[in-house]
Amino acid sequence: MLTEIINHFKTLEQRPLERLLILVSGLLFFWILEGAIPFIKPNYKRNKLQHAYINLGFTVIHLIIHTFLALVIIKISDWCIHHHFGLVQISNVGILGSIAITFFILDFCVGWLVHITEHKVPLLWRFHIIHHADNNVDVTTGLRHHPIESILRGMFFFIGVFIAGAPMYAVMIYQTILVFATAFTHANINLSTQIDKALSYIIVSPNMHKVHHHYKQPYTDSNYGAILSIWDRTLGTFNKLDSSKIVYGLDKYHPNEEDENFIRLMKEPFGKMEPKN
């Protein structure tokens, strides 16, 4: 059974339609759940569907870019295996150990490290603003990334795979979990405070990540994690805010009334912008 699972994920990168189906199924599941148990009542400029079109436009570009970057990831993984390089390759921990090591390293690099870097480096923050400019965070917000940010995230993915010496099956298992985790943390769903708090000790819960989307600092500069909450809790970037006080958007950098203007969002990082404090 385990061998079949490993073989399935080992070649998943070669099946783009199946990967797309995984993404779409996650989006649809939480899209439906948002309607059943909404966290807040959205205030879309037009309607939920139009809002989704804007965000899915960025998502499609993100997926195209990462389809090409995946070819590099495969090369890095093969090189590490061939040259016996990386933590997985030198530790000889077996299949489950390889999955665990890859998961932790990628979640640190692709989840926490790239995210805090985008917030702390002014040039990179310009591009990450597009993600934070959304005034109605929902499941479609998860992959709302400027193309330049998508490339940057790919670079950190390369670093993580290289350090881990990760086999492709472990990479694809992490990436599949990340797709669902991203949809879950951004979805406009209302979990009980007790459940959300309990989840946040292990994984990034919806309310924990929504603090990150609050329009004011220092909340914007906290809770950077993607899947595991351990990075924020141990590295001093964890923050809490009563969920009823969360307001999305930005208090500077980008006009909130233009959060659904696709062309302006694409051009925004290249224009004049108020420096980040």
C-alpha atoms as a PDB file:
ATOM      1  CA  MET A   1       0.000   0.000   0.000  1.00  0.00           C
ATOM      2  CA  LEU A   2       2.761   2.439   0.983  1.00  0.00           C
ATOM      3  CA  THR A   3       4.704   1.570  -2.166  1.00  0.00           C
ATOM      4  CA  GLU A   4       1.662   2.312  -4.315  1.00  0.00           C
ATOM      5  CA  ILE A   5       1.186   5.692  -2.622  1.00  0.00           C
ATOM      6  CA  ILE A   6       4.854   6.574  -3.106  1.00  0.00           C
ATOM      7  CA  ASN A   7       4.770   5.557  -6.774  1.00  0.00           C
ATOM      8  CA  HIS A   8       1.650   7.654  -7.275  1.00  0.00           C
ATOM      9  CA  PHE A   9       3.231  10.811  -5.855  1.00  0.00           C
ATOM     10  CA  LYS A  10       6.580  10.109  -7.511  1.00  0.00           C
ATOM     11  CA  THR A  11       5.028  10.687 -10.939  1.00  0.00           C
ATOM     12  CA  LEU A  12       2.354  13.212  -9.945  1.00  0.00           C
ATOM     13  CA  GLU A  13       4.415  16.085 -11.336  1.00  0.00           C
ATOM     14  CA  GLN A  14       4.033  14.493 -14.764  1.00  0.00           C
ATOM     15  CA  ARG A  15       0.234  14.642 -14.544  1.00  0.00           C
ATOM     16  CA  PRO A  16      -0.699  18.347 -14.603  1.00  0.00           C
ATOM     17  CA  LEU A  17      -4.426  17.681 -15.050  1.00  0.00           C
ATOM     18  CA  GLU A  18      -4.513  15.608 -11.879  1.00  0.00           C
ATOM     19  CA  ARG A  19      -2.635  18.316  -9.978  1.00  0.00           C
ATOM     20  CA  LEU A  20      -5.113  20.874 -11.282  1.00  0.00           C
ATOM     21  CA  LEU A  21      -7.984  18.644 -10.156  1.00  0.00           C
ATOM     22  CA  ILE A  22      -6.514  18.540  -6.634  1.00  0.00           C
ATOM     23  CA  LEU A  23      -6.345  22.333  -6.551  1.00  0.00           C
ATOM     24  CA  VAL A  24      -9.857  22.790  -7.948  1.00  0.00           C
ATOM     25  CA  SER A  25     -11.369  20.231  -5.572  1.00  0.00           C
ATOM     26  CA  GLY A  26      -9.848  22.033  -2.590  1.00  0.00           C
ATOM     27  CA  LEU A  27     -11.110  25.393  -3.797  1.00  0.00           C
ATOM     28  CA  LEU A  28     -14.607  24.067  -4.471  1.00  0.00           C
ATOM     29  CA  PHE A  29     -14.861  22.305  -1.110  1.00  0.00           C
ATOM     30  CA  PHE A  30     -14.004  25.418   0.885  1.00  0.00           C
ATOM     31  CA  TRP A  31     -15.973  27.665  -1.526  1.00  0.00           C
ATOM     32  CA  ILE A  32     -19.092  25.676  -0.608  1.00  0.00           C
ATOM     33  CA  LEU A  33     -18.173  25.640   3.086  1.00  0.00           C
ATOM     34  CA  GLU A  34     -17.783  29.431   3.040  1.00  0.00           C
ATOM     35  CA  GLY A  35     -21.404  29.771   2.041  1.00  0.00           C
ATOM     36  CA  ALA A  36     -22.542  27.424   4.810  1.00  0.00           C
ATOM     37  CA  ILE A  37     -20.509  28.783   7.750  1.00  0.00           C
ATOM     38  CA  PRO A  38     -19.078  32.215   6.777  1.00  0.00           C
ATOM     39  CA  PHE A  39     -16.553  33.886   9.070  1.00  0.00           C
ATOM     40  CA  ILE A  40     -17.654  37.404   8.114  1.00  0.00           C
ATOM     41  CA  LYS A  41     -20.122  38.822   5.622  1.00  0.00           C
ATOM     42  CA  PRO A  42     -18.022  39.825   2.575  1.00  0.00           C
ATOM     43  CA  ASN A  43     -18.241  43.291   1.094  1.00  0.00           C
ATOM     44  CA  TYR A  44     -17.323  42.574  -2.509  1.00  0.00           C
ATOM     45  CA  LYS A  45     -16.984  45.472  -4.963  1.00  0.00           C
ATOM     46  CA  ARG A  46     -19.305  43.633  -7.344  1.00  0.00           C
ATOM     47  CA  ASN A  47     -20.009  40.045  -6.265  1.00  0.00           C
ATOM     48  CA  LYS A  48     -18.302  36.880  -5.066  1.00  0.00           C
ATOM     49  CA  LEU A  49     -17.851  35.516  -8.586  1.00  0.00           C
ATOM     50  CA  GLN A  50     -16.230  38.693  -9.934  1.00  0.00           C
ATOM     51  CA  HIS A  51     -13.908  38.754  -6.909  1.00  0.00           C
ATOM     52  CA  ALA A  52     -12.988  35.141  -7.653  1.00  0.00           C
ATOM     53  CA  TYR A  53     -12.189  35.938 -11.302  1.00  0.00           C
ATOM     54  CA  ILE A  54      -9.566  38.474 -10.237  1.00  0.00           C
ATOM     55  CA  ASN A  55      -7.882  36.151  -7.764  1.00  0.00           C
ATOM     56  CA  LEU A  56      -8.085  33.105 -10.040  1.00  0.00           C
ATOM     57  CA  GLY A  57      -6.422  35.173 -12.763  1.00  0.00           C
ATOM     58  CA  PHE A  58      -3.368  35.472 -10.523  1.00  0.00           C
ATOM     59  CA  THR A  59      -3.720  31.786  -9.588  1.00  0.00           C
ATOM     60  CA  VAL A  60      -3.587  30.653 -13.225  1.00  0.00           C
ATOM     61  CA  ILE A  61      -0.431  32.707 -13.838  1.00  0.00           C
ATOM     62  CA  HIS A  62       1.072  31.272 -10.626  1.00  0.00           C
ATOM     63  CA  LEU A  63       0.361  27.708 -11.772  1.00  0.00           C
ATOM     64  CA  ILE A  64       1.859  28.294 -15.228  1.00  0.00           C
ATOM     65  CA  ILE A  65       5.053  29.698 -13.706  1.00  0.00           C
ATOM     66  CA  HIS A  66       5.364  26.848 -11.223  1.00  0.00           C
ATOM     67  CA  THR A  67       4.774  24.263 -13.925  1.00  0.00           C
ATOM     68  CA  PHE A  68       8.003  25.438 -15.553  1.00  0.00           C
ATOM     69  CA  LEU A  69       9.802  25.801 -12.216  1.00  0.00           C
ATOM     70  CA  ALA A  70       8.811  22.202 -11.426  1.00  0.00           C
ATOM     71  CA  LEU A  71      11.158  21.054 -14.187  1.00  0.00           C
ATOM     72  CA  VAL A  72      14.023  22.623 -12.231  1.00  0.00           C
ATOM     73  CA  ILE A  73      12.803  21.021  -9.000  1.00  0.00           C
ATOM     74  CA  ILE A  74      12.911  17.602 -10.668  1.00  0.00           C
ATOM     75  CA  LYS A  75      16.487  18.260 -11.814  1.00  0.00           C
ATOM     76  CA  ILE A  76      17.538  19.348  -8.316  1.00  0.00           C
ATOM     77  CA  SER A  77      15.920  16.285  -6.745  1.00  0.00           C
ATOM     78  CA  ASP A  78      17.592  13.935  -9.238  1.00  0.00           C
ATOM     79  CA  TRP A  79      20.965  15.635  -8.715  1.00  0.00           C
ATOM     80  CA  CYS A  80      20.706  15.278  -4.934  1.00  0.00           C
ATOM     81  CA  ILE A  81      19.869  11.584  -5.219  1.00  0.00           C
ATOM     82  CA  HIS A  82      22.640  10.937  -7.735  1.00  0.00           C
ATOM     83  CA  HIS A  83      25.269  12.805  -5.676  1.00  0.00           C
ATOM     84  CA  HIS A  84      23.954  11.614  -2.319  1.00  0.00           C
ATOM     85  CA  PHE A  85      23.476  15.215  -1.181  1.00  0.00           C
ATOM     86  CA  GLY A  86      21.067  16.658   1.377  1.00  0.00           C
ATOM     87  CA  LEU A  87      19.711  15.595   4.755  1.00  0.00           C
ATOM     88  CA  VAL A  88      17.460  12.878   3.378  1.00  0.00           C
ATOM     89  CA  GLN A  89      20.235  11.333   1.337  1.00  0.00           C
ATOM     90  CA  ILE A  90      22.876  11.270   4.093  1.00  0.00           C
ATOM     91  CA  SER A  91      20.568  10.163   6.900  1.00  0.00           C
ATOM     92  CA  ASN A  92      19.206   6.955   5.327  1.00  0.00           C
ATOM     93  CA  VAL A  93      15.938   7.293   7.263  1.00  0.00           C
ATOM     94  CA  GLY A  94      13.725   5.377   4.862  1.00  0.00           C
ATOM     95  CA  ILE A  95      10.549   6.453   3.105  1.00  0.00           C
ATOM     96  CA  LEU A  96       8.618   7.835   6.075  1.00  0.00           C
ATOM     97  CA  GLY A  97      11.682   9.618   7.414  1.00  0.00           C
ATOM     98  CA  SER A  98      12.316  11.123   3.987  1.00  0.00           C
ATOM     99  CA  ILE A  99       8.753  12.427   3.852  1.00  0.00           C
ATOM    100  CA  ALA A 100       9.054  13.905   7.365  1.00  0.00           C
ATOM    101  CA  ILE A 101      12.412  15.630   6.751  1.00  0.00           C
ATOM    102  CA  THR A 102      11.258  17.011   3.406  1.00  0.00           C
ATOM    103  CA  PHE A 103       7.995  18.219   4.933  1.00  0.00           C
ATOM    104  CA  PHE A 104       9.678  20.142   7.766  1.00  0.00           C
ATOM    105  CA  ILE A 105      12.384  21.700   5.604  1.00  0.00           C
ATOM    106  CA  LEU A 106      10.019  22.731   2.810  1.00  0.00           C
ATOM    107  CA  ASP A 107       7.475  24.098   5.261  1.00  0.00           C
ATOM    108  CA  PHE A 108      10.179  26.227   6.841  1.00  0.00           C
ATOM    109  CA  CYS A 109      11.616  27.475   3.525  1.00  0.00           C
ATOM    110  CA  VAL A 110       8.482  27.685   1.370  1.00  0.00           C
ATOM    111  CA  GLY A 111       6.139  28.591   4.198  1.00  0.00           C
ATOM    112  CA  TRP A 112       7.756  30.717   6.899  1.00  0.00           C
ATOM    113  CA  LEU A 113      11.150  31.870   5.542  1.00  0.00           C
ATOM    114  CA  VAL A 114      10.085  33.187   2.142  1.00  0.00           C
ATOM    115  CA  HIS A 115       7.071  34.865   3.716  1.00  0.00           C
ATOM    116  CA  ILE A 116       8.951  36.811   6.372  1.00  0.00           C
ATOM    117  CA  THR A 117      11.578  37.732   3.764  1.00  0.00           C
ATOM    118  CA  GLU A 118       8.861  39.266   1.593  1.00  0.00           C
ATOM    119  CA  HIS A 119       7.721  41.373   4.528  1.00  0.00           C
ATOM    120  CA  LYS A 120      11.169  42.526   5.617  1.00  0.00           C
ATOM    121  CA  VAL A 121      12.762  43.331   2.238  1.00  0.00           C
ATOM    122  CA  PRO A 122      11.111  46.492   0.820  1.00  0.00           C
ATOM    123  CA  LEU A 123      11.599  45.499  -2.823  1.00  0.00           C
ATOM    124  CA  LEU A 124       9.943  42.123  -2.270  1.00  0.00           C
ATOM    125  CA  TRP A 125       7.187  43.652  -0.136  1.00  0.00           C
ATOM    126  CA  ARG A 126       6.119  45.676  -3.190  1.00  0.00           C
ATOM    127  CA  PHE A 127       5.097  42.444  -4.917  1.00  0.00           C
ATOM    128  CA  HIS A 128       3.653  40.733  -1.834  1.00  0.00           C
ATOM    129  CA  ILE A 129       1.328  43.702  -1.315  1.00  0.00           C
ATOM    130  CA  ILE A 130      -0.907  42.269  -4.048  1.00  0.00           C
ATOM    131  CA  HIS A 131      -1.755  39.367  -1.768  1.00  0.00           C
ATOM    132  CA  HIS A 132      -2.518  41.622   1.203  1.00  0.00           C
ATOM    133  CA  ALA A 133      -4.514  44.151  -0.813  1.00  0.00           C
ATOM    134  CA  ASP A 134      -7.511  41.803  -0.925  1.00  0.00           C
ATOM    135  CA  ASN A 135     -10.266  43.347   1.200  1.00  0.00           C
ATOM    136  CA  ASN A 136     -12.328  40.147   1.172  1.00  0.00           C
ATOM    137  CA  VAL A 137     -10.059  37.272   2.092  1.00  0.00           C
ATOM    138  CA  ASP A 138     -11.578  33.972   1.044  1.00  0.00           C
ATOM    139  CA  VAL A 139     -10.470  30.652  -0.415  1.00  0.00           C
ATOM    140  CA  THR A 140      -9.534  32.306  -3.731  1.00  0.00           C
ATOM    141  CA  THR A 141      -7.066  34.646  -1.995  1.00  0.00           C
ATOM    142  CA  GLY A 142      -4.612  31.837  -1.230  1.00  0.00           C
ATOM    143  CA  LEU A 143      -2.752  31.924  -4.564  1.00  0.00           C
ATOM    144  CA  ARG A 144      -3.273  35.604  -5.304  1.00  0.00           C
ATOM    145  CA  HIS A 145       0.414  36.277  -5.974  1.00  0.00           C
ATOM    146  CA  HIS A 146       2.068  38.687  -8.361  1.00  0.00           C
ATOM    147  CA  PRO A 147       4.057  36.730 -11.003  1.00  0.00           C
ATOM    148  CA  ILE A 148       7.359  38.056  -9.628  1.00  0.00           C
ATOM    149  CA  GLU A 149       6.414  36.769  -6.182  1.00  0.00           C
ATOM    150  CA  SER A 150       5.561  33.391  -7.711  1.00  0.00           C
ATOM    151  CA  ILE A 151       9.090  33.196  -9.130  1.00  0.00           C
ATOM    152  CA  LEU A 152      10.587  34.192  -5.764  1.00  0.00           C
ATOM    153  CA  ARG A 153       8.619  31.469  -3.993  1.00  0.00           C
ATOM    154  CA  GLY A 154       9.948  29.031  -6.555  1.00  0.00           C
ATOM    155  CA  MET A 155      13.511  30.053  -5.671  1.00  0.00           C
ATOM    156  CA  PHE A 156      12.898  29.224  -2.014  1.00  0.00           C
ATOM    157  CA  PHE A 157      11.373  25.922  -3.093  1.00  0.00           C
ATOM    158  CA  PHE A 158      14.648  25.150  -4.892  1.00  0.00           C
ATOM    159  CA  ILE A 159      16.592  25.917  -1.698  1.00  0.00           C
ATOM    160  CA  GLY A 160      14.365  23.660   0.391  1.00  0.00           C
ATOM    161  CA  VAL A 161      14.604  20.717  -2.011  1.00  0.00           C
ATOM    162  CA  PHE A 162      18.384  21.183  -2.211  1.00  0.00           C
ATOM    163  CA  ILE A 163      18.888  21.277   1.571  1.00  0.00           C
ATOM    164  CA  ALA A 164      16.599  18.297   2.112  1.00  0.00           C
ATOM    165  CA  GLY A 165      17.934  16.303  -0.832  1.00  0.00           C
ATOM    166  CA  ALA A 166      14.265  15.574  -1.282  1.00  0.00           C
ATOM    167  CA  PRO A 167      12.957  12.774  -3.508  1.00  0.00           C
ATOM    168  CA  MET A 168      10.100  13.849  -5.774  1.00  0.00           C
ATOM    169  CA  TYR A 169       7.474  11.737  -4.017  1.00  0.00           C
ATOM    170  CA  ALA A 170       8.167  13.620  -0.772  1.00  0.00           C
ATOM    171  CA  VAL A 171       8.092  16.968  -2.584  1.00  0.00           C
ATOM    172  CA  MET A 172       4.730  16.190  -4.185  1.00  0.00           C
ATOM    173  CA  ILE A 173       3.225  14.961  -0.913  1.00  0.00           C
ATOM    174  CA  TYR A 174       4.183  18.258   0.723  1.00  0.00           C
ATOM    175  CA  GLN A 175       2.899  20.289  -2.208  1.00  0.00           C
ATOM    176  CA  THR A 176      -0.442  18.464  -2.195  1.00  0.00           C
ATOM    177  CA  ILE A 177      -0.923  19.093   1.517  1.00  0.00           C
ATOM    178  CA  LEU A 178       0.110  22.722   1.004  1.00  0.00           C
ATOM    179  CA  VAL A 179      -2.641  23.215  -1.604  1.00  0.00           C
ATOM    180  CA  PHE A 180      -5.332  22.157   0.859  1.00  0.00           C
ATOM    181  CA  ALA A 181      -3.724  24.016   3.772  1.00  0.00           C
ATOM    182  CA  THR A 182      -3.616  27.257   1.770  1.00  0.00           C
ATOM    183  CA  ALA A 183      -7.284  26.904   0.857  1.00  0.00           C
ATOM    184  CA  PHE A 184      -8.175  26.088   4.469  1.00  0.00           C
ATOM    185  CA  THR A 185      -6.312  28.987   6.100  1.00  0.00           C
ATOM    186  CA  HIS A 186      -7.699  31.592   3.686  1.00  0.00           C
ATOM    187  CA  ALA A 187     -11.261  30.275   3.487  1.00  0.00           C
ATOM    188  CA  ASN A 188     -13.957  32.535   4.916  1.00  0.00           C
ATOM    189  CA  ILE A 189     -15.183  29.867   7.333  1.00  0.00           C
ATOM    190  CA  ASN A 190     -16.202  30.219  10.940  1.00  0.00           C
ATOM    191  CA  LEU A 191     -14.735  27.631  13.295  1.00  0.00           C
ATOM    192  CA  SER A 192     -15.471  27.620  16.997  1.00  0.00           C
ATOM    193  CA  THR A 193     -12.861  29.458  19.047  1.00  0.00           C
ATOM    194  CA  GLN A 194     -11.969  26.275  20.917  1.00  0.00           C
ATOM    195  CA  ILE A 195     -11.407  24.217  17.769  1.00  0.00           C
ATOM    196  CA  ASP A 196      -9.439  26.954  16.048  1.00  0.00           C
ATOM    197  CA  LYS A 197      -7.225  27.499  19.104  1.00  0.00           C
ATOM    198  CA  ALA A 198      -6.568  23.776  19.475  1.00  0.00           C
ATOM    199  CA  LEU A 199      -5.602  23.466  15.811  1.00  0.00           C
ATOM    200  CA  SER A 200      -3.285  26.478  16.045  1.00  0.00           C
ATOM    201  CA  TYR A 201      -0.937  24.636  18.429  1.00  0.00           C
ATOM    202  CA  ILE A 202      -0.058  22.253  15.592  1.00  0.00           C
ATOM    203  CA  ILE A 203      -1.068  23.787  12.274  1.00  0.00           C
ATOM    204  CA  VAL A 204      -1.849  27.277  11.028  1.00  0.00           C
ATOM    205  CA  SER A 205      -5.562  27.641  11.754  1.00  0.00           C
ATOM    206  CA  PRO A 206      -7.903  29.961   9.799  1.00  0.00           C
ATOM    207  CA  ASN A 207      -8.124  32.578  12.561  1.00  0.00           C
ATOM    208  CA  MET A 208      -4.390  32.448  13.157  1.00  0.00           C
ATOM    209  CA  HIS A 209      -3.682  33.250   9.515  1.00  0.00           C
ATOM    210  CA  LYS A 210      -6.434  35.844   9.266  1.00  0.00           C
ATOM    211  CA  VAL A 211      -4.582  37.872  11.916  1.00  0.00           C
ATOM    212  CA  HIS A 212      -1.802  38.110   9.319  1.00  0.00           C
ATOM    213  CA  HIS A 213      -4.285  39.694   6.895  1.00  0.00           C
ATOM    214  CA  HIS A 214      -5.370  42.382   9.384  1.00  0.00           C
ATOM    215  CA  TYR A 215      -4.829  45.778   7.776  1.00  0.00           C
ATOM    216  CA  LYS A 216      -2.535  47.205  10.451  1.00  0.00           C
ATOM    217  CA  GLN A 217       0.909  46.336  11.728  1.00  0.00           C
ATOM    218  CA  PRO A 218       2.197  44.652  13.803  1.00  0.00           C
ATOM    219  CA  TYR A 219      -0.491  42.082  12.968  1.00  0.00           C
ATOM    220  CA  THR A 220       0.396  42.115   9.262  1.00  0.00           C
ATOM    221  CA  ASP A 221       3.974  41.254  10.223  1.00  0.00           C
ATOM    222  CA  SER A 222       3.154  38.072  12.144  1.00  0.00           C
ATOM    223  CA  ASN A 223       1.874  34.526  11.669  1.00  0.00           C
ATOM    224  CA  TYR A 224       3.870  33.812   8.524  1.00  0.00           C
ATOM    225  CA  GLY A 225       3.565  30.009   8.571  1.00  0.00           C
ATOM    226  CA  ALA A 226       1.948  27.966   5.799  1.00  0.00           C
ATOM    227  CA  ILE A 227       1.123  24.584   7.364  1.00  0.00           C
ATOM    228  CA  LEU A 228       2.877  24.150  10.716  1.00  0.00           C
ATOM    229  CA  SER A 229       2.521  26.776  13.441  1.00  0.00           C
ATOM    230  CA  ILE A 230       5.768  25.748  15.140  1.00  0.00           C
ATOM    231  CA  TRP A 231       7.839  28.265  13.184  1.00  0.00           C
ATOM    232  CA  ASP A 232       5.857  31.303  14.353  1.00  0.00           C
ATOM    233  CA  ARG A 233       5.529  30.001  17.906  1.00  0.00           C
ATOM    234  CA  THR A 234       9.231  29.266  18.339  1.00  0.00           C
ATOM    235  CA  LEU A 235      10.724  32.103  16.278  1.00  0.00           C
ATOM    236  CA  GLY A 236       8.819  34.955  17.921  1.00  0.00           C
ATOM    237  CA  THR A 237       6.442  35.854  15.095  1.00  0.00           C
ATOM    238  CA  PHE A 238       3.219  34.487  16.585  1.00  0.00           C
ATOM    239  CA  ASN A 239       0.471  37.009  17.306  1.00  0.00           C
ATOM    240  CA  LYS A 240      -3.166  36.888  18.423  1.00  0.00           C
ATOM    241  CA  LEU A 241      -6.131  39.135  17.780  1.00  0.00           C
ATOM    242  CA  ASP A 242      -9.795  38.732  18.613  1.00  0.00           C
ATOM    243  CA  SER A 243     -11.334  37.422  15.395  1.00  0.00           C
ATOM    244  CA  SER A 244     -14.195  39.928  15.647  1.00  0.00           C
ATOM    245  CA  LYS A 245     -11.670  42.787  15.310  1.00  0.00           C
ATOM    246  CA  ILE A 246      -9.972  41.571  12.140  1.00  0.00           C
ATOM    247  CA  VAL A 247     -10.275  43.978   9.206  1.00  0.00           C
ATOM    248  CA  TYR A 248      -8.747  42.996   5.867  1.00  0.00           C
ATOM    249  CA  GLY A 249      -6.777  45.106   3.417  1.00  0.00           C
ATOM    250  CA  LEU A 250      -3.984  47.636   3.883  1.00  0.00           C
ATOM    251  CA  ASP A 251      -3.884  50.966   5.688  1.00  0.00           C
ATOM    252  CA  LYS A 252      -1.307  52.212   3.156  1.00  0.00           C
ATOM    253  CA  TYR A 253       0.577  51.215   0.003  1.00  0.00           C
ATOM    254  CA  HIS A 254      -2.500  50.374  -2.098  1.00  0.00           C
ATOM    255  CA  PRO A 255      -5.968  52.008  -2.252  1.00  0.00           C
ATOM    256  CA  ASN A 256      -8.515  49.569  -0.862  1.00  0.00           C
ATOM    257  CA  GLU A 257     -11.110  50.568  -3.435  1.00  0.00           C
ATOM    258  CA  GLU A 258      -8.794  49.170  -6.140  1.00  0.00           C
ATOM    259  CA  ASP A 259      -8.341  45.693  -4.645  1.00  0.00           C
ATOM    260  CA  GLU A 260     -10.203  44.098  -7.584  1.00  0.00           C
ATOM    261  CA  ASN A 261      -8.488  46.067 -10.360  1.00  0.00           C
ATOM    262  CA  PHE A 262      -6.388  43.340 -12.018  1.00  0.00           C
ATOM    263  CA  ILE A 263      -4.364  45.622 -14.317  1.00  0.00           C
ATOM    264  CA  ARG A 264      -3.549  48.069 -11.532  1.00  0.00           C
ATOM    265  CA  LEU A 265      -2.542  45.231  -9.213  1.00  0.00           C
ATOM    266  CA  MET A 266      -0.166  43.858 -11.848  1.00  0.00           C
ATOM    267  CA  LYS A 267       1.422  47.314 -12.350  1.00  0.00           C
ATOM    268  CA  GLU A 268       1.374  48.433  -8.699  1.00  0.00           C
ATOM    269  CA  PRO A 269       4.822  47.136  -7.620  1.00  0.00           C
ATOM    270  CA  PHE A 270       6.544  49.129 -10.371  1.00  0.00           C
ATOM    271  CA  GLY A 271       5.046  52.491  -9.470  1.00  0.00           C
ATOM    272  CA  LYS A 272       5.709  55.025  -6.732  1.00  0.00           C
ATOM    273  CA  MET A 273       4.870  53.621  -3.342  1.00  0.00           C
ATOM    274  CA  GLU A 274       4.952  54.882   0.230  1.00  0.00           C
ATOM    275  CA  PRO A 275       7.967  53.321   2.009  1.00  0.00           C
ATOM    276  CA  LYS A 276       7.217  50.597   4.523  1.00  0.00           C
ATOM    277  CA  ASN A 277       7.805  51.637   8.127  1.00  0.00           C
END
